[in-house]
Each structure stands twice: as C-alpha cells, then as structure tokens.
Amino acid sequence: MKKLMLLLAVLPAFSYAQSQQQCRKILHDVMEVMVYPGVCPAAPAAMEDINEETVYNLMGQAESCEAVFEGQDREKMQAELDAEAVKRSKLVQKDQEAFCRSQIQRAREAIERYRK
C-alpha cells in the first residue's frame, strides 16, 4: 500500500516532467518551421505544399504549452531557444545556401510530426 501511495505521490511530478519534455520538443519544432527558415529566400516556395491544417495543429499544441513553462522554467526555455537562434544565425553567416537547404529539410520533417 505504501508503494502505491508513493507512486501516486510521484506521478504528478513525472507527468509534469513528461509534459515539459514534450512541450520543449514542440517549441523547438515551431522554431524549425516558423522562425529559422525566415532567412531563406526559397523557403516559401519550398514549403507551399505543406498542409495548413498541419501548421495549425503545431501552433495549437505550442499555444497549449505556454502554461507548462512558468517562472524560471520559462526563462530557461527562452534562453535555450535564444541560444539556438544565435547558433543558427552564425551558420547562416557562414553559408546561407547550405543552411537553407538543410533548414528547409528540417522544417519539413518537423511539420510532418504534426500531420493528423
């Protein structure tokens, strides 16, 4: 009985950690799809065949993740996203064409995870 009570006590923390992990992935996918391709002139044409419903699904999931990150968790997540953006901007400066080819592929792969 004690083991069951302990399990029930730990379950919310585990659930919270799982939702944080899932939301972290979702927010990174939003950046892959909506932000990083922004420096690529060919991105709109290369991604025009993507189903809008899939994009709305991703954005809806990202919106529901906002409540998961509060206080220090939110600041940590934002710092993580900012650091990745800086890293990506350095790659763009180095070789924009190669970055864009790679980024468009990553964006397409990320959006596919949200197809219904």
PDB file of N, CA and C in Angstrom:
ATOM      1  N   MET A   1       0.819  -1.183   0.000  1.00  0.00           N
ATOM      2  CA  MET A   1       0.000   0.000   0.000  1.00  0.00           C
ATOM      3  C   MET A   1       0.871   1.257   0.000  1.00  0.00           C
ATOM      4  N   LYS A   2       1.978   1.197   0.766  1.00  0.00           N
ATOM      5  CA  LYS A   2       2.875   2.347   0.806  1.00  0.00           C
ATOM      6  C   LYS A   2       3.486   2.615  -0.562  1.00  0.00           C
ATOM      7  N   LYS A   3       3.811   1.544  -1.278  1.00  0.00           N
ATOM      8  CA  LYS A   3       4.378   1.706  -2.617  1.00  0.00           C
ATOM      9  C   LYS A   3       3.385   2.387  -3.550  1.00  0.00           C
ATOM     10  N   LEU A   4       2.132   2.005  -3.448  1.00  0.00           N
ATOM     11  CA  LEU A   4       1.094   2.618  -4.266  1.00  0.00           C
ATOM     12  C   LEU A   4       0.956   4.092  -3.930  1.00  0.00           C
ATOM     13  N   MET A   5       0.957   4.417  -2.651  1.00  0.00           N
ATOM     14  CA  MET A   5       0.836   5.817  -2.231  1.00  0.00           C
ATOM     15  C   MET A   5       2.040   6.636  -2.715  1.00  0.00           C
ATOM     16  N   LEU A   6       3.226   6.032  -2.644  1.00  0.00           N
ATOM     17  CA  LEU A   6       4.425   6.702  -3.121  1.00  0.00           C
ATOM     18  C   LEU A   6       4.339   6.931  -4.626  1.00  0.00           C
ATOM     19  N   LEU A   7       3.886   5.921  -5.345  1.00  0.00           N
ATOM     20  CA  LEU A   7       3.721   6.041  -6.789  1.00  0.00           C
ATOM     21  C   LEU A   7       2.729   7.146  -7.125  1.00  0.00           C
ATOM     22  N   LEU A   8       1.620   7.190  -6.432  1.00  0.00           N
ATOM     23  CA  LEU A   8       0.619   8.235  -6.673  1.00  0.00           C
ATOM     24  C   LEU A   8       1.155   9.613  -6.326  1.00  0.00           C
ATOM     25  N   ALA A   9       2.019   9.693  -5.344  1.00  0.00           N
ATOM     26  CA  ALA A   9       2.607  10.975  -4.969  1.00  0.00           C
ATOM     27  C   ALA A   9       3.604  11.467  -6.021  1.00  0.00           C
ATOM     28  N   VAL A  10       4.316  10.541  -6.642  1.00  0.00           N
ATOM     29  CA  VAL A  10       5.341  10.902  -7.623  1.00  0.00           C
ATOM     30  C   VAL A  10       4.747  11.121  -9.017  1.00  0.00           C
ATOM     31  N   LEU A  11       3.620  10.552  -9.288  1.00  0.00           N
ATOM     32  CA  LEU A  11       3.008  10.609 -10.612  1.00  0.00           C
ATOM     33  C   LEU A  11       2.814  12.031 -11.139  1.00  0.00           C
ATOM     34  N   PRO A  12       2.289  12.984 -10.363  1.00  0.00           N
ATOM     35  CA  PRO A  12       2.151  14.342 -10.909  1.00  0.00           C
ATOM     36  C   PRO A  12       3.490  14.950 -11.333  1.00  0.00           C
ATOM     37  N   ALA A  13       4.534  14.723 -10.562  1.00  0.00           N
ATOM     38  CA  ALA A  13       5.849  15.253 -10.922  1.00  0.00           C
ATOM     39  C   ALA A  13       6.341  14.615 -12.222  1.00  0.00           C
ATOM     40  N   PHE A  14       6.128  13.316 -12.365  1.00  0.00           N
ATOM     41  CA  PHE A  14       6.521  12.620 -13.594  1.00  0.00           C
ATOM     42  C   PHE A  14       5.721  13.163 -14.778  1.00  0.00           C
ATOM     43  N   SER A  15       4.431  13.337 -14.582  1.00  0.00           N
ATOM     44  CA  SER A  15       3.563  13.858 -15.632  1.00  0.00           C
ATOM     45  C   SER A  15       4.002  15.258 -16.045  1.00  0.00           C
ATOM     46  N   TYR A  16       4.345  16.084 -15.067  1.00  0.00           N
ATOM     47  CA  TYR A  16       4.809  17.445 -15.339  1.00  0.00           C
ATOM     48  C   TYR A  16       6.107  17.410 -16.145  1.00  0.00           C
ATOM     49  N   ALA A  17       7.026  16.533 -15.746  1.00  0.00           N
ATOM     50  CA  ALA A  17       8.301  16.415 -16.460  1.00  0.00           C
ATOM     51  C   ALA A  17       8.072  15.941 -17.889  1.00  0.00           C
ATOM     52  N   GLN A  18       7.154  14.979 -18.065  1.00  0.00           N
ATOM     53  CA  GLN A  18       6.823  14.498 -19.406  1.00  0.00           C
ATOM     54  C   GLN A  18       6.250  15.626 -20.254  1.00  0.00           C
ATOM     55  N   SER A  19       5.319  16.399 -19.687  1.00  0.00           N
ATOM     56  CA  SER A  19       4.708  17.471 -20.468  1.00  0.00           C
ATOM     57  C   SER A  19       5.735  18.556 -20.782  1.00  0.00           C
ATOM     58  N   GLN A  20       6.667  18.812 -19.857  1.00  0.00           N
ATOM     59  CA  GLN A  20       7.725  19.777 -20.147  1.00  0.00           C
ATOM     60  C   GLN A  20       8.603  19.289 -21.286  1.00  0.00           C
ATOM     61  N   GLN A  21       8.940  18.023 -21.260  1.00  0.00           N
ATOM     62  CA  GLN A  21       9.773  17.449 -22.310  1.00  0.00           C
ATOM     63  C   GLN A  21       9.052  17.501 -23.661  1.00  0.00           C
ATOM     64  N   GLN A  22       7.776  17.151 -23.672  1.00  0.00           N
ATOM     65  CA  GLN A  22       7.004  17.203 -24.916  1.00  0.00           C
ATOM     66  C   GLN A  22       6.889  18.643 -25.409  1.00  0.00           C
ATOM     67  N   CYS A  23       6.627  19.564 -24.501  1.00  0.00           N
ATOM     68  CA  CYS A  23       6.479  20.963 -24.901  1.00  0.00           C
ATOM     69  C   CYS A  23       7.796  21.543 -25.383  1.00  0.00           C
ATOM     70  N   ARG A  24       8.881  21.152 -24.790  1.00  0.00           N
ATOM     71  CA  ARG A  24      10.197  21.614 -25.247  1.00  0.00           C
ATOM     72  C   ARG A  24      10.383  21.206 -26.715  1.00  0.00           C
ATOM     73  N   LYS A  25      10.034  19.975 -27.049  1.00  0.00           N
ATOM     74  CA  LYS A  25      10.150  19.498 -28.431  1.00  0.00           C
ATOM     75  C   LYS A  25       9.219  20.280 -29.357  1.00  0.00           C
ATOM     76  N   ILE A  26       8.003  20.507 -28.908  1.00  0.00           N
ATOM     77  CA  ILE A  26       7.037  21.261 -29.719  1.00  0.00           C
ATOM     78  C   ILE A  26       7.545  22.669 -29.987  1.00  0.00           C
ATOM     79  N   LEU A  27       8.058  23.345 -28.965  1.00  0.00           N
ATOM     80  CA  LEU A  27       8.548  24.706 -29.145  1.00  0.00           C
ATOM     81  C   LEU A  27       9.768  24.743 -30.059  1.00  0.00           C
ATOM     82  N   HIS A  28      10.627  23.748 -29.974  1.00  0.00           N
ATOM     83  CA  HIS A  28      11.752  23.676 -30.908  1.00  0.00           C
ATOM     84  C   HIS A  28      11.247  23.457 -32.331  1.00  0.00           C
ATOM     85  N   ASP A  29      10.219  22.634 -32.485  1.00  0.00           N
ATOM     86  CA  ASP A  29       9.644  22.406 -33.814  1.00  0.00           C
ATOM     87  C   ASP A  29       9.026  23.682 -34.381  1.00  0.00           C
ATOM     88  N   VAL A  30       8.405  24.476 -33.537  1.00  0.00           N
ATOM     89  CA  VAL A  30       7.850  25.760 -34.000  1.00  0.00           C
ATOM     90  C   VAL A  30       8.975  26.629 -34.558  1.00  0.00           C
ATOM     91  N   MET A  31      10.083  26.670 -33.849  1.00  0.00           N
ATOM     92  CA  MET A  31      11.227  27.450 -34.325  1.00  0.00           C
ATOM     93  C   MET A  31      11.735  26.897 -35.656  1.00  0.00           C
ATOM     94  N   GLU A  32      11.797  25.576 -35.771  1.00  0.00           N
ATOM     95  CA  GLU A  32      12.254  24.949 -37.018  1.00  0.00           C
ATOM     96  C   GLU A  32      11.369  25.343 -38.203  1.00  0.00           C
ATOM     97  N   VAL A  33      10.082  25.406 -37.961  1.00  0.00           N
ATOM     98  CA  VAL A  33       9.121  25.629 -39.044  1.00  0.00           C
ATOM     99  C   VAL A  33       8.852  27.114 -39.297  1.00  0.00           C
ATOM    100  N   MET A  34       8.715  27.890 -38.229  1.00  0.00           N
ATOM    101  CA  MET A  34       8.242  29.264 -38.377  1.00  0.00           C
ATOM    102  C   MET A  34       9.343  30.334 -38.333  1.00  0.00           C
ATOM    103  N   VAL A  35      10.464  30.048 -37.692  1.00  0.00           N
ATOM    104  CA  VAL A  35      11.463  31.095 -37.491  1.00  0.00           C
ATOM    105  C   VAL A  35      12.705  30.893 -38.360  1.00  0.00           C
ATOM    106  N   TYR A  36      13.380  29.785 -38.191  1.00  0.00           N
ATOM    107  CA  TYR A  36      14.662  29.604 -38.860  1.00  0.00           C
ATOM    108  C   TYR A  36      14.592  29.685 -40.383  1.00  0.00           C
ATOM    109  N   PRO A  37      13.549  29.173 -41.039  1.00  0.00           N
ATOM    110  CA  PRO A  37      13.500  29.302 -42.500  1.00  0.00           C
ATOM    111  C   PRO A  37      13.312  30.749 -42.979  1.00  0.00           C
ATOM    112  N   GLY A  38      13.035  31.662 -42.055  1.00  0.00           N
ATOM    113  CA  GLY A  38      12.780  33.059 -42.424  1.00  0.00           C
ATOM    114  C   GLY A  38      13.920  33.740 -43.156  1.00  0.00           C
ATOM    115  N   VAL A  39      15.131  33.257 -43.007  1.00  0.00           N
ATOM    116  CA  VAL A  39      16.277  33.865 -43.686  1.00  0.00           C
ATOM    117  C   VAL A  39      16.518  33.238 -45.057  1.00  0.00           C
ATOM    118  N   CYS A  40      15.669  32.307 -45.437  1.00  0.00           N
ATOM    119  CA  CYS A  40      15.859  31.576 -46.687  1.00  0.00           C
ATOM    120  C   CYS A  40      14.886  32.089 -47.748  1.00  0.00           C
ATOM    121  N   PRO A  41      15.412  32.728 -48.776  1.00  0.00           N
ATOM    122  CA  PRO A  41      14.531  33.264 -49.826  1.00  0.00           C
ATOM    123  C   PRO A  41      13.660  32.197 -50.495  1.00  0.00           C
ATOM    124  N   ALA A  42      14.147  30.969 -50.592  1.00  0.00           N
ATOM    125  CA  ALA A  42      13.394  29.910 -51.276  1.00  0.00           C
ATOM    126  C   ALA A  42      12.409  29.196 -50.355  1.00  0.00           C
ATOM    127  N   ALA A  43      12.397  29.507 -49.080  1.00  0.00           N
ATOM    128  CA  ALA A  43      11.558  28.766 -48.126  1.00  0.00           C
ATOM    129  C   ALA A  43      10.066  28.807 -48.464  1.00  0.00           C
ATOM    130  N   PRO A  44       9.497  29.981 -48.771  1.00  0.00           N
ATOM    131  CA  PRO A  44       8.050  29.967 -49.049  1.00  0.00           C
ATOM    132  C   PRO A  44       7.669  29.027 -50.198  1.00  0.00           C
ATOM    133  N   ALA A  45       8.422  29.057 -51.273  1.00  0.00           N
ATOM    134  CA  ALA A  45       8.114  28.183 -52.415  1.00  0.00           C
ATOM    135  C   ALA A  45       8.358  26.718 -52.065  1.00  0.00           C
ATOM    136  N   ALA A  46       9.403  26.455 -51.299  1.00  0.00           N
ATOM    137  CA  ALA A  46       9.752  25.073 -50.961  1.00  0.00           C
ATOM    138  C   ALA A  46       8.771  24.454 -49.977  1.00  0.00           C
ATOM    139  N   MET A  47       8.012  25.293 -49.281  1.00  0.00           N
ATOM    140  CA  MET A  47       7.116  24.773 -48.258  1.00  0.00           C
ATOM    141  C   MET A  47       5.644  25.060 -48.551  1.00  0.00           C
ATOM    142  N   GLU A  48       5.346  25.526 -49.753  1.00  0.00           N
ATOM    143  CA  GLU A  48       3.960  25.895 -50.047  1.00  0.00           C
ATOM    144  C   GLU A  48       3.011  24.711 -50.132  1.00  0.00           C
ATOM    145  N   ASP A  49       3.541  23.518 -50.322  1.00  0.00           N
ATOM    146  CA  ASP A  49       2.684  22.332 -50.407  1.00  0.00           C
ATOM    147  C   ASP A  49       2.333  21.751 -49.039  1.00  0.00           C
ATOM    148  N   ILE A  50       2.838  22.353 -47.974  1.00  0.00           N
ATOM    149  CA  ILE A  50       2.537  21.858 -46.631  1.00  0.00           C
ATOM    150  C   ILE A  50       1.099  22.203 -46.275  1.00  0.00           C
ATOM    151  N   ASN A  51       0.405  21.246 -45.755  1.00  0.00           N
ATOM    152  CA  ASN A  51      -0.990  21.387 -45.376  1.00  0.00           C
ATOM    153  C   ASN A  51      -1.136  22.405 -44.245  1.00  0.00           C
ATOM    154  N   GLU A  52      -1.983  23.419 -44.444  1.00  0.00           N
ATOM    155  CA  GLU A  52      -2.188  24.454 -43.424  1.00  0.00           C
ATOM    156  C   GLU A  52      -2.729  23.866 -42.127  1.00  0.00           C
ATOM    157  N   GLU A  53      -3.549  22.855 -42.229  1.00  0.00           N
ATOM    158  CA  GLU A  53      -4.114  22.228 -41.029  1.00  0.00           C
ATOM    159  C   GLU A  53      -3.003  21.654 -40.136  1.00  0.00           C
ATOM    160  N   THR A  54      -1.962  21.141 -40.771  1.00  0.00           N
ATOM    161  CA  THR A  54      -0.835  20.607 -40.016  1.00  0.00           C
ATOM    162  C   THR A  54      -0.117  21.721 -39.262  1.00  0.00           C
ATOM    163  N   VAL A  55       0.056  22.854 -39.914  1.00  0.00           N
ATOM    164  CA  VAL A  55       0.690  24.006 -39.263  1.00  0.00           C
ATOM    165  C   VAL A  55      -0.182  24.489 -38.103  1.00  0.00           C
ATOM    166  N   TYR A  56      -1.492  24.563 -38.313  1.00  0.00           N
ATOM    167  CA  TYR A  56      -2.407  24.981 -37.236  1.00  0.00           C
ATOM    168  C   TYR A  56      -2.363  24.002 -36.069  1.00  0.00           C
ATOM    169  N   ASN A  57      -2.216  22.722 -36.357  1.00  0.00           N
ATOM    170  CA  ASN A  57      -2.098  21.712 -35.309  1.00  0.00           C
ATOM    171  C   ASN A  57      -0.845  21.979 -34.470  1.00  0.00           C
ATOM    172  N   LEU A  58       0.269  22.212 -35.136  1.00  0.00           N
ATOM    173  CA  LEU A  58       1.517  22.519 -34.430  1.00  0.00           C
ATOM    174  C   LEU A  58       1.362  23.780 -33.582  1.00  0.00           C
ATOM    175  N   MET A  59       0.795  24.816 -34.156  1.00  0.00           N
ATOM    176  CA  MET A  59       0.655  26.087 -33.425  1.00  0.00           C
ATOM    177  C   MET A  59      -0.301  25.932 -32.235  1.00  0.00           C
ATOM    178  N   GLY A  60      -1.345  25.153 -32.400  1.00  0.00           N
ATOM    179  CA  GLY A  60      -2.268  24.903 -31.299  1.00  0.00           C
ATOM    180  C   GLY A  60      -1.596  24.175 -30.149  1.00  0.00           C
ATOM    181  N   GLN A  61      -0.765  23.207 -30.487  1.00  0.00           N
ATOM    182  CA  GLN A  61      -0.040  22.491 -29.443  1.00  0.00           C
ATOM    183  C   GLN A  61       0.962  23.405 -28.754  1.00  0.00           C
ATOM    184  N   ALA A  62       1.598  24.280 -29.513  1.00  0.00           N
ATOM    185  CA  ALA A  62       2.553  25.224 -28.922  1.00  0.00           C
ATOM    186  C   ALA A  62       1.839  26.185 -27.974  1.00  0.00           C
ATOM    187  N   GLU A  63       0.666  26.623 -28.375  1.00  0.00           N
ATOM    188  CA  GLU A  63      -0.108  27.534 -27.525  1.00  0.00           C
ATOM    189  C   GLU A  63      -0.472  26.859 -26.198  1.00  0.00           C
ATOM    190  N   SER A  64      -0.848  25.602 -26.258  1.00  0.00           N
ATOM    191  CA  SER A  64      -1.204  24.897 -25.026  1.00  0.00           C
ATOM    192  C   SER A  64       0.022  24.639 -24.150  1.00  0.00           C
ATOM    193  N   CYS A  65       1.202  24.749 -24.701  1.00  0.00           N
ATOM    194  CA  CYS A  65       2.433  24.536 -23.927  1.00  0.00           C
ATOM    195  C   CYS A  65       2.821  25.767 -23.109  1.00  0.00           C
ATOM    196  N   GLU A  66       2.261  26.901 -23.406  1.00  0.00           N
ATOM    197  CA  GLU A  66       2.660  28.112 -22.698  1.00  0.00           C
ATOM    198  C   GLU A  66       2.460  27.988 -21.196  1.00  0.00           C
ATOM    199  N   ALA A  67       1.422  27.308 -20.764  1.00  0.00           N
ATOM    200  CA  ALA A  67       1.145  27.176 -19.335  1.00  0.00           C
ATOM    201  C   ALA A  67       2.117  26.227 -18.644  1.00  0.00           C
ATOM    202  N   VAL A  68       2.796  25.386 -19.411  1.00  0.00           N
ATOM    203  CA  VAL A  68       3.706  24.411 -18.825  1.00  0.00           C
ATOM    204  C   VAL A  68       4.970  25.087 -18.287  1.00  0.00           C
ATOM    205  N   PHE A  69       5.423  26.109 -18.984  1.00  0.00           N
ATOM    206  CA  PHE A  69       6.646  26.795 -18.581  1.00  0.00           C
ATOM    207  C   PHE A  69       6.292  28.092 -17.860  1.00  0.00           C
ATOM    208  N   GLU A  70       6.588  28.127 -16.588  1.00  0.00           N
ATOM    209  CA  GLU A  70       6.316  29.308 -15.777  1.00  0.00           C
ATOM    210  C   GLU A  70       7.574  29.700 -15.026  1.00  0.00           C
ATOM    211  N   GLY A  71       7.717  30.969 -14.702  1.00  0.00           N
ATOM    212  CA  GLY A  71       8.822  31.452 -13.885  1.00  0.00           C
ATOM    213  C   GLY A  71      10.177  31.093 -14.450  1.00  0.00           C
ATOM    214  N   GLN A  72      11.000  30.452 -13.625  1.00  0.00           N
ATOM    215  CA  GLN A  72      12.353  30.099 -14.042  1.00  0.00           C
ATOM    216  C   GLN A  72      12.350  29.106 -15.204  1.00  0.00           C
ATOM    217  N   ASP A  73      11.377  28.225 -15.233  1.00  0.00           N
ATOM    218  CA  ASP A  73      11.295  27.275 -16.346  1.00  0.00           C
ATOM    219  C   ASP A  73      11.095  28.018 -17.664  1.00  0.00           C
ATOM    220  N   ARG A  74      10.263  29.048 -17.649  1.00  0.00           N
ATOM    221  CA  ARG A  74      10.010  29.837 -18.861  1.00  0.00           C
ATOM    222  C   ARG A  74      11.294  30.552 -19.286  1.00  0.00           C
ATOM    223  N   GLU A  75      11.994  31.143 -18.331  1.00  0.00           N
ATOM    224  CA  GLU A  75      13.232  31.856 -18.641  1.00  0.00           C
ATOM    225  C   GLU A  75      14.285  30.899 -19.191  1.00  0.00           C
ATOM    226  N   LYS A  76      14.373  29.721 -18.608  1.00  0.00           N
ATOM    227  CA  LYS A  76      15.329  28.717 -19.069  1.00  0.00           C
ATOM    228  C   LYS A  76      14.998  28.271 -20.493  1.00  0.00           C
ATOM    229  N   MET A  77      13.718  28.038 -20.760  1.00  0.00           N
ATOM    230  CA  MET A  77      13.296  27.611 -22.094  1.00  0.00           C
ATOM    231  C   MET A  77      13.584  28.715 -23.106  1.00  0.00           C
ATOM    232  N   GLN A  78      13.288  29.964 -22.748  1.00  0.00           N
ATOM    233  CA  GLN A  78      13.543  31.083 -23.656  1.00  0.00           C
ATOM    234  C   GLN A  78      15.037  31.225 -23.924  1.00  0.00           C
ATOM    235  N   ALA A  79      15.851  31.061 -22.902  1.00  0.00           N
ATOM    236  CA  ALA A  79      17.305  31.138 -23.080  1.00  0.00           C
ATOM    237  C   ALA A  79      17.800  30.030 -24.008  1.00  0.00           C
ATOM    238  N   GLU A  80      17.211  28.851 -23.873  1.00  0.00           N
ATOM    239  CA  GLU A  80      17.572  27.723 -24.738  1.00  0.00           C
ATOM    240  C   GLU A  80      17.234  28.035 -26.194  1.00  0.00           C
ATOM    241  N   LEU A  81      16.047  28.574 -26.426  1.00  0.00           N
ATOM    242  CA  LEU A  81      15.634  28.932 -27.790  1.00  0.00           C
ATOM    243  C   LEU A  81      16.495  30.059 -28.350  1.00  0.00           C
ATOM    244  N   ASP A  82      16.817  31.047 -27.508  1.00  0.00           N
ATOM    245  CA  ASP A  82      17.659  32.165 -27.942  1.00  0.00           C
ATOM    246  C   ASP A  82      19.058  31.685 -28.322  1.00  0.00           C
ATOM    247  N   ALA A  83      19.620  30.791 -27.513  1.00  0.00           N
ATOM    248  CA  ALA A  83      20.962  30.255 -27.797  1.00  0.00           C
ATOM    249  C   ALA A  83      20.969  29.510 -29.128  1.00  0.00           C
ATOM    250  N   GLU A  84      19.919  28.753 -29.380  1.00  0.00           N
ATOM    251  CA  GLU A  84      19.826  28.028 -30.649  1.00  0.00           C
ATOM    252  C   GLU A  84      19.700  29.007 -31.810  1.00  0.00           C
ATOM    253  N   ALA A  85      18.964  30.090 -31.629  1.00  0.00           N
ATOM    254  CA  ALA A  85      18.815  31.093 -32.684  1.00  0.00           C
ATOM    255  C   ALA A  85      20.155  31.760 -33.002  1.00  0.00           C
ATOM    256  N   VAL A  86      20.936  32.047 -31.986  1.00  0.00           N
ATOM    257  CA  VAL A  86      22.267  32.630 -32.198  1.00  0.00           C
ATOM    258  C   VAL A  86      23.148  31.649 -32.968  1.00  0.00           C
ATOM    259  N   LYS A  87      23.105  30.402 -32.569  1.00  0.00           N
ATOM    260  CA  LYS A  87      23.884  29.357 -33.250  1.00  0.00           C
ATOM    261  C   LYS A  87      23.491  29.278 -34.729  1.00  0.00           C
ATOM    262  N   ARG A  88      22.184  29.304 -34.977  1.00  0.00           N
ATOM    263  CA  ARG A  88      21.713  29.219 -36.362  1.00  0.00           C
ATOM    264  C   ARG A  88      22.118  30.456 -37.166  1.00  0.00           C
ATOM    265  N   SER A  89      22.082  31.632 -36.542  1.00  0.00           N
ATOM    266  CA  SER A  89      22.442  32.847 -37.281  1.00  0.00           C
ATOM    267  C   SER A  89      23.915  32.811 -37.692  1.00  0.00           C
ATOM    268  N   LYS A  90      24.760  32.189 -36.873  1.00  0.00           N
ATOM    269  CA  LYS A  90      26.174  32.045 -37.241  1.00  0.00           C
ATOM    270  C   LYS A  90      26.320  31.108 -38.437  1.00  0.00           C
ATOM    271  N   LEU A  91      25.499  30.075 -38.479  1.00  0.00           N
ATOM    272  CA  LEU A  91      25.532  29.154 -39.620  1.00  0.00           C
ATOM    273  C   LEU A  91      25.090  29.865 -40.898  1.00  0.00           C
ATOM    274  N   VAL A  92      24.113  30.738 -40.782  1.00  0.00           N
ATOM    275  CA  VAL A  92      23.623  31.489 -41.941  1.00  0.00           C
ATOM    276  C   VAL A  92      24.737  32.376 -42.470  1.00  0.00           C
ATOM    277  N   GLN A  93      25.431  33.057 -41.572  1.00  0.00           N
ATOM    278  CA  GLN A  93      26.518  33.950 -41.990  1.00  0.00           C
ATOM    279  C   GLN A  93      27.633  33.177 -42.683  1.00  0.00           C
ATOM    280  N   LYS A  94      27.845  31.962 -42.246  1.00  0.00           N
ATOM    281  CA  LYS A  94      28.916  31.135 -42.800  1.00  0.00           C
ATOM    282  C   LYS A  94      28.584  30.689 -44.229  1.00  0.00           C
ATOM    283  N   ASP A  95      27.374  30.164 -44.421  1.00  0.00           N
ATOM    284  CA  ASP A  95      26.975  29.657 -45.734  1.00  0.00           C
ATOM    285  C   ASP A  95      25.448  29.594 -45.799  1.00  0.00           C
ATOM    286  N   GLN A  96      24.838  30.665 -46.251  1.00  0.00           N
ATOM    287  CA  GLN A  96      23.378  30.762 -46.253  1.00  0.00           C
ATOM    288  C   GLN A  96      22.737  29.687 -47.125  1.00  0.00           C
ATOM    289  N   GLU A  97      23.297  29.411 -48.271  1.00  0.00           N
ATOM    290  CA  GLU A  97      22.690  28.434 -49.179  1.00  0.00           C
ATOM    291  C   GLU A  97      22.646  27.035 -48.544  1.00  0.00           C
ATOM    292  N   ALA A  98      23.744  26.621 -47.960  1.00  0.00           N
ATOM    293  CA  ALA A  98      23.788  25.298 -47.311  1.00  0.00           C
ATOM    294  C   ALA A  98      22.851  25.272 -46.102  1.00  0.00           C
ATOM    295  N   PHE A  99      22.858  26.357 -45.340  1.00  0.00           N
ATOM    296  CA  PHE A  99      21.962  26.435 -44.180  1.00  0.00           C
ATOM    297  C   PHE A  99      20.513  26.290 -44.636  1.00  0.00           C
ATOM    298  N   CYS A 100      20.149  26.991 -45.684  1.00  0.00           N
ATOM    299  CA  CYS A 100      18.760  26.981 -46.140  1.00  0.00           C
ATOM    300  C   CYS A 100      18.338  25.611 -46.657  1.00  0.00           C
ATOM    301  N   ARG A 101      19.196  24.957 -47.401  1.00  0.00           N
ATOM    302  CA  ARG A 101      18.862  23.599 -47.870  1.00  0.00           C
ATOM    303  C   ARG A 101      18.579  22.694 -46.675  1.00  0.00           C
ATOM    304  N   SER A 102      19.474  22.736 -45.716  1.00  0.00           N
ATOM    305  CA  SER A 102      19.339  21.902 -44.530  1.00  0.00           C
ATOM    306  C   SER A 102      18.127  22.303 -43.693  1.00  0.00           C
ATOM    307  N   GLN A 103      17.923  23.605 -43.535  1.00  0.00           N
ATOM    308  CA  GLN A 103      16.834  24.089 -42.688  1.00  0.00           C
ATOM    309  C   GLN A 103      15.471  23.782 -43.281  1.00  0.00           C
ATOM    310  N   ILE A 104      15.329  23.928 -44.561  1.00  0.00           N
ATOM    311  CA  ILE A 104      14.044  23.624 -45.196  1.00  0.00           C
ATOM    312  C   ILE A 104      13.718  22.144 -45.013  1.00  0.00           C
ATOM    313  N   GLN A 105      14.722  21.292 -45.132  1.00  0.00           N
ATOM    314  CA  GLN A 105      14.503  19.860 -44.904  1.00  0.00           C
ATOM    315  C   GLN A 105      14.093  19.599 -43.457  1.00  0.00           C
ATOM    316  N   ARG A 106      14.789  20.232 -42.498  1.00  0.00           N
ATOM    317  CA  ARG A 106      14.440  20.056 -41.082  1.00  0.00           C
ATOM    318  C   ARG A 106      13.032  20.567 -40.796  1.00  0.00           C
ATOM    319  N   ALA A 107      12.662  21.674 -41.405  1.00  0.00           N
ATOM    320  CA  ALA A 107      11.323  22.225 -41.202  1.00  0.00           C
ATOM    321  C   ALA A 107      10.260  21.272 -41.734  1.00  0.00           C
ATOM    322  N   ARG A 108      10.502  20.707 -42.904  1.00  0.00           N
ATOM    323  CA  ARG A 108       9.544  19.755 -43.476  1.00  0.00           C
ATOM    324  C   ARG A 108       9.409  18.513 -42.595  1.00  0.00           C
ATOM    325  N   GLU A 109      10.529  18.024 -42.074  1.00  0.00           N
ATOM    326  CA  GLU A 109      10.486  16.859 -41.182  1.00  0.00           C
ATOM    327  C   GLU A 109       9.744  17.182 -39.885  1.00  0.00           C
ATOM    328  N   ALA A 110       9.983  18.367 -39.350  1.00  0.00           N
ATOM    329  CA  ALA A 110       9.312  18.760 -38.101  1.00  0.00           C
ATOM    330  C   ALA A 110       7.802  18.853 -38.311  1.00  0.00           C
ATOM    331  N   ILE A 111       7.383  19.457 -39.387  1.00  0.00           N
ATOM    332  CA  ILE A 111       5.943  19.650 -39.608  1.00  0.00           C
ATOM    333  C   ILE A 111       5.240  18.323 -39.852  1.00  0.00           C
ATOM    334  N   GLU A 112       5.948  17.366 -40.423  1.00  0.00           N
ATOM    335  CA  GLU A 112       5.351  16.051 -40.671  1.00  0.00           C
ATOM    336  C   GLU A 112       4.930  15.359 -39.376  1.00  0.00           C
ATOM    337  N   ARG A 113       5.600  15.675 -38.277  1.00  0.00           N
ATOM    338  CA  ARG A 113       5.245  15.060 -36.995  1.00  0.00           C
ATOM    339  C   ARG A 113       3.869  15.504 -36.492  1.00  0.00           C
ATOM    340  N   TYR A 114       3.314  16.553 -37.092  1.00  0.00           N
ATOM    341  CA  TYR A 114       2.038  17.099 -36.614  1.00  0.00           C
ATOM    342  C   TYR A 114       0.900  16.856 -37.607  1.00  0.00           C
ATOM    343  N   ARG A 115       1.176  16.082 -38.632  1.00  0.00           N
ATOM    344  CA  ARG A 115       0.126  15.725 -39.594  1.00  0.00           C
ATOM    345  C   ARG A 115      -0.863  14.801 -38.915  1.00  0.00           C
ATOM    346  N   LYS A 116      -2.125  15.093 -39.063  1.00  0.00           N
ATOM    347  CA  LYS A 116      -3.177  14.280 -38.406  1.00  0.00           C
ATOM    348  C   LYS A 116      -3.450  13.015 -39.177  1.00  0.00           C
TER     349      LYS A 116
END
